[in-house]
Protein backbone atom coordinates (compact mmCIF):
# COMPACT_ATOMS: atom_id res chain seq x y z
CA MET A 1 35.77 135.51 -30.33
CA LEU A 2 33.52 135.06 -33.34
CA THR A 3 32.90 131.49 -34.17
CA GLN A 4 29.96 131.15 -36.81
CA ILE A 5 27.24 133.05 -38.78
CA HIS A 6 23.61 132.11 -39.21
CA PRO A 7 22.11 134.17 -42.01
CA LYS A 8 18.12 135.35 -41.71
CA LEU A 9 16.63 135.03 -45.03
CA PRO A 10 13.07 136.37 -46.04
CA MET A 11 10.51 133.67 -46.98
CA ARG A 12 6.78 134.23 -47.55
CA ASN A 13 5.78 130.81 -46.93
CA LYS A 14 7.31 128.28 -44.40
CA ALA A 15 6.05 124.76 -46.21
CA ILE A 16 7.53 126.02 -49.50
CA THR A 17 10.67 127.16 -47.73
CA ARG A 18 11.29 123.86 -45.84
CA ASP A 19 10.29 121.52 -48.76
CA PHE A 20 12.29 123.16 -51.15
CA TYR A 21 15.89 123.33 -48.64
CA ARG A 22 14.60 119.71 -47.61
CA ASN A 23 13.93 117.83 -50.68
CA LEU A 24 16.01 119.73 -53.31
CA LEU A 25 18.92 120.95 -51.34
CA GLY A 26 19.09 118.48 -48.64
CA PHE A 27 18.97 120.47 -45.80
CA GLU A 28 17.34 119.43 -42.46
CA ILE A 29 15.39 121.04 -39.65
CA TYR A 30 17.58 122.33 -37.05
CA GLY A 31 15.50 122.97 -33.43
CA SER A 32 11.82 123.04 -33.66
CA GLU A 33 10.00 123.78 -36.45
CA TYR A 34 7.14 125.16 -34.54
CA PHE A 35 8.22 128.79 -33.87
CA GLU A 36 5.25 130.33 -35.65
CA GLY A 37 6.98 132.20 -38.38
CA TYR A 38 10.27 131.29 -38.13
CA LEU A 39 12.44 128.51 -39.45
CA MET A 40 16.17 127.13 -39.12
CA LEU A 41 17.60 124.71 -41.61
CA LYS A 42 21.23 123.06 -41.54
CA LYS A 43 23.15 121.15 -43.43
CA ASP A 44 26.89 120.11 -42.95
CA ALA A 45 28.54 123.13 -40.97
CA ILE A 46 26.20 125.34 -42.38
CA GLN A 47 22.74 126.96 -40.95
CA ILE A 48 20.53 129.06 -42.75
CA HIS A 49 17.45 130.84 -40.82
CA PHE A 50 14.19 132.14 -42.50
CA PHE A 51 11.88 134.49 -40.95
CA GLU A 52 8.28 135.13 -42.26
CA HIS A 53 7.47 138.32 -44.79
CA LYS A 54 4.08 137.31 -46.30
CA ASN A 55 4.22 140.41 -48.28
CA LEU A 56 7.64 139.58 -49.45
CA ILE A 57 7.67 140.50 -53.53
CA PRO A 58 10.27 138.06 -54.60
CA GLU A 59 11.27 140.09 -57.85
CA GLU A 60 12.48 143.13 -55.47
CA ASN A 61 14.12 140.44 -53.07
CA TYR A 62 17.88 140.98 -52.62
CA GLY A 63 18.51 138.39 -49.77
CA GLN A 64 21.92 136.74 -50.73
CA VAL A 65 23.91 134.13 -48.93
CA TYR A 66 27.47 132.94 -50.08
CA ILE A 67 28.53 129.66 -49.10
CA ARG A 68 31.78 127.56 -48.94
CA THR A 69 32.49 124.20 -50.32
CA ASN A 70 35.20 121.90 -50.49
CA GLU A 71 33.51 119.79 -52.84
CA ILE A 72 31.82 122.27 -55.58
CA GLU A 73 32.10 120.18 -58.51
CA LYS A 74 29.71 117.08 -56.64
CA VAL A 75 27.37 119.78 -55.17
CA TYR A 76 26.68 121.04 -58.46
CA ALA A 77 26.38 117.66 -60.00
CA GLN A 78 24.08 116.53 -56.94
CA PHE A 79 22.06 119.75 -57.41
CA ILE A 80 21.80 119.19 -61.37
CA SER A 81 20.61 115.60 -60.61
CA ASP A 82 18.27 116.53 -58.18
CA GLY A 83 16.56 118.85 -60.23
CA VAL A 84 17.68 122.39 -58.95
CA GLN A 85 17.60 125.15 -61.49
CA ILE A 86 20.37 126.96 -61.60
CA HIS A 87 20.68 130.85 -62.01
CA PRO A 88 20.57 131.47 -65.90
CA ASN A 89 23.71 133.66 -65.03
CA GLY A 90 25.27 131.47 -62.61
CA ALA A 91 26.49 128.17 -63.97
CA LEU A 92 29.66 126.16 -62.22
CA GLU A 93 32.52 128.65 -63.70
CA LEU A 94 36.04 129.64 -62.60
CA LYS A 95 35.68 133.31 -61.89
CA HIS A 96 38.34 135.72 -63.08
CA TRP A 97 39.53 136.03 -59.40
CA GLY A 98 40.16 132.52 -58.49
CA ILE A 99 36.70 131.16 -57.37
CA LYS A 100 34.74 128.09 -58.77
CA GLU A 101 31.52 129.33 -58.59
CA PHE A 102 27.81 128.76 -59.04
CA SER A 103 24.54 130.10 -57.97
CA ILE A 104 20.85 129.75 -57.45
CA LEU A 105 17.62 130.83 -56.56
CA ASP A 106 15.17 129.66 -53.91
CA PRO A 107 11.01 130.55 -53.91
CA ASP A 108 11.60 133.95 -52.54
CA ASN A 109 14.21 134.85 -55.12
CA ASN A 110 17.11 134.73 -52.22
CA LEU A 111 20.28 134.18 -53.94
CA LEU A 112 22.48 131.35 -52.49
CA THR A 113 26.18 131.36 -54.26
CA PHE A 114 28.28 128.41 -53.67
CA GLY A 115 32.02 129.02 -53.92
CA GLU A 116 35.10 127.15 -53.64
CA ASN A 117 38.67 128.24 -54.19
CA GLY A 118 40.35 127.40 -57.46
CA ASN A 119 43.52 126.56 -56.68
């Protein structure tokens, strides 16, 4: 019965979040971007929603999303080419549990981990 999930992450500044996801990660606006304090973005088959949290302290934010992909090397190479900062402990590697993964942080310290079955 369940068909989709759209995580909701905190953001301090809608314009900064929108620009990061659109200009660096290639997301598009989904629906209306004129909702006060709310932003919906999509790329391929996923959506991420954001709610305004102006007092968010990024170092205390533990927002996380795990995104599955079927072309992780291509996504990783594109992000590197576009100047996306890879998490210092999140370079692309095959994990001992059999998944290829890498991670990035957005401007509000939300952790985005990308993964693909390593088989």
